[in-house]
Amino acid sequence: MSDSLLVEQCRQRNRKAQLKLYEQYCDGMFIVAHRYLRDTAAAEDAMQEAFIKAFQKLHQYKGDVTFGAWLKRIVINTCLDSIKARKMQLYAINEEVMSITEEEAGWQVADETTYEEVLQAIEKLPDNYRTVVQLYLLEGYDHQEIAEILGISESASRTNLHRGKIQLKEQLKHLNYGTGY
């Protein structure tokens, strides 16, 4: 059964269709939630909450993106709300210190670096860097969107991304070149 047919049945409050849609997307959405919250129970809670929100707001889904992409955004926003609720402390940043463009950063990783190695390195970043790096590199948000989501300035987003990339580069350099010295 196609997603559009399932979504239409869910709009009509068909519980079987809701269960089928949930079963189709729950594993992937759990992985997304776990990437942000790094705690199995918290990720499961956020995923469940996101599905509830999605079913309640299904009338807002217009079909201009895939249902999975729409749901993923809800999951990410739910995770970010959870992080904010835990009062994640973002480091104070002197916003005048850095104004970095992606070209200036000159950030690259070795060709032999795997996606899994990058994900593992991202997991080791401090919370403020990790969240910005995930939103920017993995989810494709721009600095304006990240600033709005996290309640920080665009400059702080750029700075956290830059500093996170520096730490990532160091971690990945050590992976590929032993000690890196």
N, C-alpha and C. Protein backbone atom coordinates (compact mmCIF):
# COMPACT_ATOMS: atom_id res chain seq x y z
N MET A 1 0.85 -1.18 0.00
CA MET A 1 0.00 0.00 0.00
C MET A 1 0.89 1.24 0.00
N SER A 2 0.57 2.22 -0.82
CA SER A 2 1.40 3.41 -0.95
C SER A 2 1.23 4.33 0.27
N ASP A 3 2.25 5.16 0.47
CA ASP A 3 2.21 6.11 1.58
C ASP A 3 1.02 7.05 1.46
N SER A 4 0.74 7.51 0.24
CA SER A 4 -0.34 8.48 0.07
C SER A 4 -1.70 7.87 0.44
N LEU A 5 -1.89 6.60 0.11
CA LEU A 5 -3.14 5.92 0.47
C LEU A 5 -3.21 5.72 1.99
N LEU A 6 -2.09 5.32 2.59
CA LEU A 6 -2.04 5.16 4.04
C LEU A 6 -2.31 6.48 4.76
N VAL A 7 -1.69 7.53 4.26
CA VAL A 7 -1.88 8.86 4.87
C VAL A 7 -3.36 9.27 4.78
N GLU A 8 -3.95 9.03 3.64
CA GLU A 8 -5.36 9.38 3.48
C GLU A 8 -6.23 8.59 4.46
N GLN A 9 -5.94 7.31 4.62
CA GLN A 9 -6.69 6.50 5.57
C GLN A 9 -6.45 6.97 7.01
N CYS A 10 -5.23 7.39 7.29
CA CYS A 10 -4.91 7.92 8.63
C CYS A 10 -5.68 9.21 8.91
N ARG A 11 -5.85 10.01 7.88
CA ARG A 11 -6.63 11.25 8.04
C ARG A 11 -8.07 10.94 8.44
N GLN A 12 -8.53 9.77 8.03
CA GLN A 12 -9.89 9.33 8.37
C GLN A 12 -9.91 8.55 9.69
N ARG A 13 -8.79 8.64 10.43
CA ARG A 13 -8.64 8.02 11.75
C ARG A 13 -8.72 6.49 11.72
N ASN A 14 -8.24 5.91 10.64
CA ASN A 14 -8.18 4.45 10.52
C ASN A 14 -6.98 3.96 11.33
N ARG A 15 -7.26 3.28 12.44
CA ARG A 15 -6.21 2.83 13.36
C ARG A 15 -5.26 1.82 12.72
N LYS A 16 -5.79 0.96 11.87
CA LYS A 16 -4.93 -0.02 11.21
C LYS A 16 -3.94 0.67 10.27
N ALA A 17 -4.39 1.68 9.58
CA ALA A 17 -3.50 2.43 8.69
C ALA A 17 -2.44 3.17 9.52
N GLN A 18 -2.85 3.72 10.66
CA GLN A 18 -1.88 4.39 11.54
C GLN A 18 -0.81 3.42 12.00
N LEU A 19 -1.23 2.23 12.40
CA LEU A 19 -0.28 1.22 12.86
C LEU A 19 0.66 0.82 11.73
N LYS A 20 0.11 0.65 10.54
CA LYS A 20 0.94 0.25 9.39
C LYS A 20 1.97 1.35 9.06
N LEU A 21 1.54 2.61 9.08
CA LEU A 21 2.45 3.72 8.82
C LEU A 21 3.52 3.80 9.91
N TYR A 22 3.09 3.60 11.15
CA TYR A 22 4.04 3.60 12.27
C TYR A 22 5.08 2.49 12.08
N GLU A 23 4.63 1.29 11.78
CA GLU A 23 5.54 0.16 11.61
C GLU A 23 6.51 0.39 10.45
N GLN A 24 6.04 1.07 9.43
CA GLN A 24 6.86 1.33 8.26
C GLN A 24 8.00 2.30 8.58
N TYR A 25 7.76 3.27 9.47
CA TYR A 25 8.74 4.33 9.70
C TYR A 25 9.40 4.32 11.08
N CYS A 26 8.93 3.50 12.01
CA CYS A 26 9.43 3.61 13.39
C CYS A 26 10.92 3.33 13.52
N ASP A 27 11.45 2.34 12.82
CA ASP A 27 12.87 2.02 12.96
C ASP A 27 13.76 3.17 12.48
N GLY A 28 13.44 3.69 11.31
CA GLY A 28 14.24 4.79 10.77
C GLY A 28 14.14 6.05 11.62
N MET A 29 12.94 6.32 12.13
CA MET A 29 12.76 7.52 12.96
C MET A 29 13.43 7.36 14.32
N PHE A 30 13.50 6.12 14.82
CA PHE A 30 14.23 5.88 16.07
C PHE A 30 15.71 6.19 15.88
N ILE A 31 16.27 5.77 14.76
CA ILE A 31 17.68 6.03 14.47
C ILE A 31 17.94 7.54 14.44
N VAL A 32 17.05 8.29 13.81
CA VAL A 32 17.19 9.75 13.77
C VAL A 32 17.14 10.32 15.18
N ALA A 33 16.16 9.89 15.97
CA ALA A 33 16.01 10.41 17.34
C ALA A 33 17.22 10.03 18.20
N HIS A 34 17.70 8.81 18.04
CA HIS A 34 18.85 8.37 18.84
C HIS A 34 20.10 9.16 18.49
N ARG A 35 20.23 9.55 17.23
CA ARG A 35 21.38 10.34 16.79
C ARG A 35 21.45 11.66 17.57
N TYR A 36 20.30 12.21 17.90
CA TYR A 36 20.27 13.48 18.61
C TYR A 36 20.31 13.32 20.13
N LEU A 37 19.59 12.35 20.65
CA LEU A 37 19.43 12.26 22.09
C LEU A 37 20.41 11.30 22.76
N ARG A 38 20.99 10.39 22.00
CA ARG A 38 22.01 9.46 22.48
C ARG A 38 21.59 8.65 23.71
N ASP A 39 20.32 8.53 23.93
CA ASP A 39 19.79 7.73 25.03
C ASP A 39 18.59 6.97 24.47
N THR A 40 18.63 5.66 24.61
CA THR A 40 17.60 4.82 24.00
C THR A 40 16.20 5.18 24.48
N ALA A 41 16.02 5.31 25.78
CA ALA A 41 14.69 5.61 26.31
C ALA A 41 14.21 6.99 25.85
N ALA A 42 15.09 7.97 25.88
CA ALA A 42 14.72 9.32 25.45
C ALA A 42 14.40 9.34 23.95
N ALA A 43 15.16 8.58 23.18
CA ALA A 43 14.91 8.52 21.73
C ALA A 43 13.57 7.85 21.44
N GLU A 44 13.26 6.78 22.18
CA GLU A 44 11.97 6.12 22.00
C GLU A 44 10.82 7.07 22.37
N ASP A 45 10.97 7.79 23.48
CA ASP A 45 9.95 8.75 23.89
C ASP A 45 9.74 9.83 22.85
N ALA A 46 10.85 10.38 22.35
CA ALA A 46 10.76 11.44 21.34
C ALA A 46 10.12 10.92 20.06
N MET A 47 10.48 9.71 19.67
CA MET A 47 9.90 9.13 18.46
C MET A 47 8.39 8.94 18.63
N GLN A 48 7.98 8.41 19.78
CA GLN A 48 6.55 8.21 20.04
C GLN A 48 5.81 9.55 20.03
N GLU A 49 6.40 10.53 20.70
CA GLU A 49 5.78 11.86 20.74
C GLU A 49 5.67 12.46 19.33
N ALA A 50 6.69 12.24 18.53
CA ALA A 50 6.67 12.76 17.15
C ALA A 50 5.57 12.11 16.33
N PHE A 51 5.37 10.80 16.49
CA PHE A 51 4.30 10.13 15.77
C PHE A 51 2.93 10.66 16.21
N ILE A 52 2.77 10.88 17.50
CA ILE A 52 1.50 11.43 18.00
C ILE A 52 1.26 12.80 17.37
N LYS A 53 2.29 13.65 17.38
CA LYS A 53 2.17 14.98 16.75
C LYS A 53 1.82 14.85 15.28
N ALA A 54 2.51 13.93 14.59
CA ALA A 54 2.27 13.76 13.16
C ALA A 54 0.84 13.35 12.88
N PHE A 55 0.31 12.39 13.65
CA PHE A 55 -1.06 11.95 13.43
C PHE A 55 -2.06 13.05 13.78
N GLN A 56 -1.75 13.86 14.78
CA GLN A 56 -2.64 14.96 15.15
C GLN A 56 -2.63 16.08 14.11
N LYS A 57 -1.49 16.24 13.44
CA LYS A 57 -1.35 17.34 12.48
C LYS A 57 -1.30 16.86 11.04
N LEU A 58 -1.80 15.68 10.81
CA LEU A 58 -1.77 15.09 9.48
C LEU A 58 -2.48 15.97 8.45
N HIS A 59 -3.46 16.74 8.90
CA HIS A 59 -4.16 17.65 7.98
C HIS A 59 -3.22 18.72 7.42
N GLN A 60 -2.09 18.96 8.09
CA GLN A 60 -1.13 19.95 7.61
C GLN A 60 -0.17 19.39 6.56
N TYR A 61 -0.13 18.07 6.43
CA TYR A 61 0.75 17.44 5.45
C TYR A 61 0.14 17.64 4.06
N LYS A 62 0.88 18.34 3.20
CA LYS A 62 0.37 18.70 1.87
C LYS A 62 0.88 17.79 0.76
N GLY A 63 1.85 16.94 1.07
CA GLY A 63 2.37 16.05 0.05
C GLY A 63 3.41 16.67 -0.85
N ASP A 64 3.90 17.89 -0.51
CA ASP A 64 4.93 18.52 -1.34
C ASP A 64 6.30 17.90 -1.12
N VAL A 65 6.47 17.14 -0.02
CA VAL A 65 7.65 16.33 0.23
C VAL A 65 7.15 14.93 0.59
N THR A 66 8.05 13.98 0.63
CA THR A 66 7.61 12.63 0.99
C THR A 66 7.12 12.63 2.44
N PHE A 67 6.26 11.68 2.76
CA PHE A 67 5.78 11.58 4.13
C PHE A 67 6.94 11.34 5.08
N GLY A 68 7.91 10.52 4.67
CA GLY A 68 9.07 10.24 5.50
C GLY A 68 9.88 11.49 5.82
N ALA A 69 10.05 12.36 4.83
CA ALA A 69 10.79 13.61 5.07
C ALA A 69 10.02 14.52 6.01
N TRP A 70 8.71 14.58 5.84
CA TRP A 70 7.86 15.40 6.72
C TRP A 70 7.93 14.87 8.15
N LEU A 71 7.83 13.58 8.30
CA LEU A 71 7.88 12.96 9.62
C LEU A 71 9.26 13.14 10.25
N LYS A 72 10.31 13.02 9.46
CA LYS A 72 11.67 13.18 9.97
C LYS A 72 11.86 14.57 10.57
N ARG A 73 11.32 15.56 9.91
CA ARG A 73 11.43 16.93 10.43
C ARG A 73 10.72 17.05 11.78
N ILE A 74 9.58 16.40 11.92
CA ILE A 74 8.85 16.41 13.20
C ILE A 74 9.68 15.71 14.27
N VAL A 75 10.29 14.59 13.92
CA VAL A 75 11.13 13.85 14.87
C VAL A 75 12.31 14.73 15.32
N ILE A 76 12.98 15.35 14.37
CA ILE A 76 14.12 16.20 14.70
C ILE A 76 13.68 17.36 15.61
N ASN A 77 12.59 18.01 15.26
CA ASN A 77 12.11 19.12 16.08
C ASN A 77 11.72 18.65 17.48
N THR A 78 11.13 17.47 17.59
CA THR A 78 10.77 16.91 18.89
C THR A 78 12.04 16.65 19.70
N CYS A 79 13.06 16.11 19.07
CA CYS A 79 14.33 15.87 19.76
C CYS A 79 14.96 17.18 20.22
N LEU A 80 14.92 18.18 19.37
CA LEU A 80 15.49 19.48 19.74
C LEU A 80 14.72 20.11 20.90
N ASP A 81 13.40 19.94 20.89
CA ASP A 81 12.59 20.41 22.02
C ASP A 81 13.00 19.70 23.30
N SER A 82 13.27 18.42 23.20
CA SER A 82 13.70 17.63 24.36
C SER A 82 15.06 18.12 24.87
N ILE A 83 15.95 18.40 23.95
CA ILE A 83 17.27 18.91 24.33
C ILE A 83 17.12 20.26 25.03
N LYS A 84 16.29 21.13 24.46
CA LYS A 84 16.06 22.44 25.08
C LYS A 84 15.46 22.28 26.47
N ALA A 85 14.55 21.34 26.62
CA ALA A 85 13.89 21.12 27.91
C ALA A 85 14.90 20.68 28.96
N ARG A 86 15.92 19.99 28.54
CA ARG A 86 16.97 19.58 29.48
C ARG A 86 17.95 20.73 29.73
N LYS A 87 17.59 21.88 29.19
CA LYS A 87 18.40 23.09 29.35
C LYS A 87 19.84 22.90 28.93
N MET A 88 19.98 22.39 27.71
CA MET A 88 21.31 22.23 27.16
C MET A 88 22.01 23.58 27.16
N GLN A 89 23.18 23.63 27.72
CA GLN A 89 23.94 24.86 27.82
C GLN A 89 24.82 25.03 26.58
N LEU A 90 24.51 26.03 25.80
CA LEU A 90 25.39 26.36 24.68
C LEU A 90 26.46 27.31 25.20
N TYR A 91 27.68 27.08 24.81
CA TYR A 91 28.77 27.91 25.29
C TYR A 91 28.59 29.33 24.80
N ALA A 92 28.89 30.27 25.66
CA ALA A 92 28.84 31.67 25.27
C ALA A 92 29.93 31.91 24.23
N ILE A 93 29.59 32.67 23.23
CA ILE A 93 30.52 32.90 22.13
C ILE A 93 30.58 34.39 21.85
N ASN A 94 31.77 34.89 21.70
CA ASN A 94 31.93 36.26 21.28
C ASN A 94 31.68 36.27 19.78
N GLU A 95 30.51 36.76 19.38
CA GLU A 95 30.07 36.64 18.00
C GLU A 95 30.91 37.48 17.03
N GLU A 96 31.64 38.44 17.55
CA GLU A 96 32.46 39.26 16.67
C GLU A 96 33.78 38.59 16.31
N VAL A 97 34.11 37.52 17.05
CA VAL A 97 35.40 36.86 16.84
C VAL A 97 35.46 36.19 15.48
N MET A 98 34.34 35.55 15.09
CA MET A 98 34.38 34.76 13.86
C MET A 98 33.21 35.07 12.95
N SER A 99 33.52 35.18 11.70
CA SER A 99 32.51 35.20 10.66
C SER A 99 33.09 34.34 9.55
N ILE A 100 32.69 33.09 9.55
CA ILE A 100 33.35 32.09 8.72
C ILE A 100 32.44 31.64 7.59
N THR A 101 32.98 31.61 6.41
CA THR A 101 32.24 31.02 5.30
C THR A 101 32.76 29.61 5.10
N GLU A 102 32.02 28.80 4.42
CA GLU A 102 32.42 27.41 4.22
C GLU A 102 33.72 27.32 3.41
N GLU A 103 33.94 28.25 2.48
CA GLU A 103 35.17 28.22 1.69
C GLU A 103 36.37 28.51 2.57
N GLU A 104 36.22 29.43 3.52
CA GLU A 104 37.32 29.78 4.40
C GLU A 104 37.70 28.60 5.28
N ALA A 105 36.72 27.79 5.63
CA ALA A 105 36.98 26.70 6.55
C ALA A 105 37.90 25.65 5.92
N GLY A 106 37.82 25.44 4.61
CA GLY A 106 38.67 24.49 3.92
C GLY A 106 38.64 23.10 4.54
N TRP A 107 37.46 22.64 4.86
CA TRP A 107 37.34 21.40 5.62
C TRP A 107 37.12 20.23 4.69
N GLN A 108 37.98 19.23 4.83
CA GLN A 108 37.85 18.01 4.05
C GLN A 108 38.23 16.83 4.92
N VAL A 109 37.74 15.67 4.57
CA VAL A 109 38.16 14.44 5.24
C VAL A 109 38.77 13.52 4.19
N ALA A 110 39.61 12.62 4.64
CA ALA A 110 40.27 11.69 3.72
C ALA A 110 39.22 10.83 3.00
N ASP A 111 39.51 10.49 1.76
CA ASP A 111 38.58 9.70 0.96
C ASP A 111 38.25 8.36 1.59
N GLU A 112 39.22 7.79 2.31
CA GLU A 112 38.99 6.47 2.89
C GLU A 112 38.15 6.52 4.17
N THR A 113 37.80 7.70 4.63
CA THR A 113 36.96 7.83 5.83
C THR A 113 35.54 7.37 5.50
N THR A 114 35.00 6.50 6.34
CA THR A 114 33.66 5.97 6.11
C THR A 114 32.61 6.86 6.77
N TYR A 115 31.39 6.72 6.32
CA TYR A 115 30.26 7.45 6.90
C TYR A 115 30.12 7.11 8.38
N GLU A 116 30.29 5.84 8.71
CA GLU A 116 30.19 5.40 10.11
C GLU A 116 31.25 6.06 10.98
N GLU A 117 32.46 6.20 10.45
CA GLU A 117 33.54 6.86 11.21
C GLU A 117 33.19 8.33 11.47
N VAL A 118 32.60 8.98 10.48
CA VAL A 118 32.19 10.37 10.65
C VAL A 118 31.10 10.46 11.71
N LEU A 119 30.11 9.57 11.65
CA LEU A 119 29.04 9.57 12.65
C LEU A 119 29.60 9.35 14.05
N GLN A 120 30.52 8.41 14.19
CA GLN A 120 31.12 8.14 15.50
C GLN A 120 31.90 9.35 16.01
N ALA A 121 32.59 10.02 15.12
CA ALA A 121 33.34 11.21 15.51
C ALA A 121 32.39 12.34 15.93
N ILE A 122 31.28 12.48 15.21
CA ILE A 122 30.28 13.50 15.57
C ILE A 122 29.73 13.22 16.96
N GLU A 123 29.49 11.96 17.27
CA GLU A 123 28.96 11.57 18.59
C GLU A 123 29.87 12.01 19.73
N LYS A 124 31.16 12.13 19.47
CA LYS A 124 32.13 12.48 20.51
C LYS A 124 32.24 13.99 20.73
N LEU A 125 31.63 14.78 19.88
CA LEU A 125 31.71 16.24 20.02
C LEU A 125 30.93 16.72 21.23
N PRO A 126 31.33 17.85 21.81
CA PRO A 126 30.52 18.46 22.87
C PRO A 126 29.12 18.77 22.34
N ASP A 127 28.12 18.76 23.22
CA ASP A 127 26.72 18.89 22.81
C ASP A 127 26.46 20.07 21.88
N ASN A 128 26.98 21.25 22.21
CA ASN A 128 26.68 22.42 21.39
C ASN A 128 27.24 22.28 19.98
N TYR A 129 28.43 21.74 19.83
CA TYR A 129 29.00 21.53 18.50
C TYR A 129 28.28 20.41 17.79
N ARG A 130 28.04 19.29 18.50
CA ARG A 130 27.42 18.12 17.90
C ARG A 130 26.06 18.45 17.28
N THR A 131 25.24 19.18 18.03
CA THR A 131 23.90 19.49 17.54
C THR A 131 23.96 20.33 16.27
N VAL A 132 24.80 21.35 16.25
CA VAL A 132 24.92 22.20 15.06
C VAL A 132 25.49 21.41 13.89
N VAL A 133 26.52 20.61 14.14
CA VAL A 133 27.12 19.79 13.07
C VAL A 133 26.10 18.82 12.50
N GLN A 134 25.33 18.16 13.36
CA GLN A 134 24.30 17.23 12.88
C GLN A 134 23.27 17.95 12.03
N LEU A 135 22.77 19.07 12.53
CA LEU A 135 21.74 19.79 11.78
C LEU A 135 22.27 20.28 10.44
N TYR A 136 23.50 20.72 10.41
CA TYR A 136 24.06 21.29 9.18
C TYR A 136 24.51 20.20 8.20
N LEU A 137 25.38 19.30 8.68
CA LEU A 137 25.97 18.31 7.77
C LEU A 137 25.04 17.15 7.46
N LEU A 138 24.31 16.66 8.46
CA LEU A 138 23.51 15.45 8.26
C LEU A 138 22.09 15.75 7.81
N GLU A 139 21.51 16.83 8.33
CA GLU A 139 20.11 17.11 8.04
C GLU A 139 19.93 18.19 6.98
N GLY A 140 20.98 18.95 6.68
CA GLY A 140 20.91 19.93 5.60
C GLY A 140 20.27 21.26 5.96
N TYR A 141 20.15 21.56 7.25
CA TYR A 141 19.63 22.86 7.65
C TYR A 141 20.68 23.93 7.37
N ASP A 142 20.24 25.17 7.08
CA ASP A 142 21.19 26.26 6.92
C ASP A 142 21.33 26.99 8.26
N HIS A 143 22.24 27.96 8.32
CA HIS A 143 22.52 28.63 9.59
C HIS A 143 21.32 29.42 10.12
N GLN A 144 20.55 29.97 9.24
CA GLN A 144 19.35 30.71 9.68
C GLN A 144 18.38 29.75 10.37
N GLU A 145 18.15 28.59 9.77
CA GLU A 145 17.24 27.61 10.35
C GLU A 145 17.79 27.08 11.68
N ILE A 146 19.08 26.80 11.73
CA ILE A 146 19.70 26.30 12.96
C ILE A 146 19.57 27.35 14.06
N ALA A 147 19.80 28.59 13.72
CA ALA A 147 19.69 29.67 14.70
C ALA A 147 18.28 29.73 15.28
N GLU A 148 17.27 29.62 14.42
CA GLU A 148 15.88 29.65 14.88
C GLU A 148 15.56 28.44 15.75
N ILE A 149 16.01 27.26 15.33
CA ILE A 149 15.71 26.03 16.06
C ILE A 149 16.33 26.05 17.45
N LEU A 150 17.59 26.47 17.52
CA LEU A 150 18.33 26.41 18.79
C LEU A 150 18.23 27.69 19.62
N GLY A 151 17.66 28.74 19.03
CA GLY A 151 17.55 29.99 19.76
C GLY A 151 18.90 30.68 19.94
N ILE A 152 19.75 30.58 18.91
CA ILE A 152 21.05 31.23 18.93
C ILE A 152 21.15 32.11 17.69
N SER A 153 22.20 32.91 17.60
CA SER A 153 22.37 33.75 16.42
C SER A 153 22.97 32.91 15.28
N GLU A 154 22.86 33.43 14.06
CA GLU A 154 23.46 32.75 12.91
C GLU A 154 24.98 32.70 13.08
N SER A 155 25.54 33.76 13.63
CA SER A 155 26.98 33.80 13.87
C SER A 155 27.41 32.71 14.84
N ALA A 156 26.61 32.50 15.89
CA ALA A 156 26.92 31.44 16.86
C ALA A 156 26.82 30.08 16.17
N SER A 157 25.85 29.91 15.29
CA SER A 157 25.72 28.66 14.54
C SER A 157 26.96 28.42 13.69
N ARG A 158 27.40 29.46 12.98
CA ARG A 158 28.60 29.33 12.14
C ARG A 158 29.83 29.00 12.98
N THR A 159 29.94 29.67 14.11
CA THR A 159 31.09 29.46 14.99
C THR A 159 31.08 28.04 15.55
N ASN A 160 29.92 27.58 16.04
CA ASN A 160 29.83 26.22 16.57
C ASN A 160 30.12 25.19 15.49
N LEU A 161 29.65 25.44 14.26
CA LEU A 161 29.93 24.53 13.15
C LEU A 161 31.43 24.50 12.86
N HIS A 162 32.03 25.67 12.79
CA HIS A 162 33.46 25.76 12.50
C HIS A 162 34.28 25.03 13.56
N ARG A 163 33.98 25.30 14.82
CA ARG A 163 34.73 24.67 15.91
C ARG A 163 34.46 23.16 15.95
N GLY A 164 33.23 22.77 15.66
CA GLY A 164 32.91 21.35 15.61
C GLY A 164 33.65 20.65 14.49
N LYS A 165 33.76 21.31 13.34
CA LYS A 165 34.49 20.74 12.21
C LYS A 165 35.97 20.60 12.53
N ILE A 166 36.52 21.57 13.25
CA ILE A 166 37.93 21.49 13.63
C ILE A 166 38.15 20.25 14.51
N GLN A 167 37.27 20.05 15.47
CA GLN A 167 37.39 18.87 16.34
C GLN A 167 37.17 17.58 15.56
N LEU A 168 36.20 17.60 14.64
CA LEU A 168 35.96 16.42 13.79
C LEU A 168 37.20 16.10 12.96
N LYS A 169 37.76 17.13 12.36
CA LYS A 169 38.94 16.95 11.51
C LYS A 169 40.07 16.32 12.32
N GLU A 170 40.27 16.78 13.54
CA GLU A 170 41.32 16.22 14.39
C GLU A 170 41.03 14.75 14.72
N GLN A 171 39.79 14.45 15.07
CA GLN A 171 39.43 13.06 15.38
C GLN A 171 39.64 12.16 14.17
N LEU A 172 39.20 12.63 13.01
CA LEU A 172 39.31 11.81 11.80
C LEU A 172 40.76 11.69 11.33
N LYS A 173 41.55 12.73 11.55
CA LYS A 173 42.97 12.69 11.20
C LYS A 173 43.67 11.62 12.03
N HIS A 174 43.34 11.56 13.32
CA HIS A 174 43.93 10.54 14.19
C HIS A 174 43.52 9.14 13.75
N LEU A 175 42.28 9.01 13.27
CA LEU A 175 41.81 7.71 12.80
C LEU A 175 42.61 7.24 11.60
N ASN A 176 42.84 8.14 10.65
CA ASN A 176 43.47 7.76 9.39
C ASN A 176 44.99 7.77 9.41
N TYR A 177 45.57 8.49 10.34
CA TYR A 177 47.02 8.60 10.36
C TYR A 177 47.62 8.19 11.69
N GLY A 178 46.93 7.33 12.41
CA GLY A 178 47.46 6.91 13.71
C GLY A 178 47.33 8.04 14.70
N THR A 179 48.44 8.56 15.19
CA THR A 179 48.40 9.63 16.20
C THR A 179 48.21 10.99 15.57
N GLY A 180 48.52 11.15 14.29
CA GLY A 180 48.33 12.42 13.61
C GLY A 180 49.46 13.40 13.85
N TYR A 181 50.49 13.00 14.59
CA TYR A 181 51.60 13.91 14.86
C TYR A 181 52.82 13.58 14.04
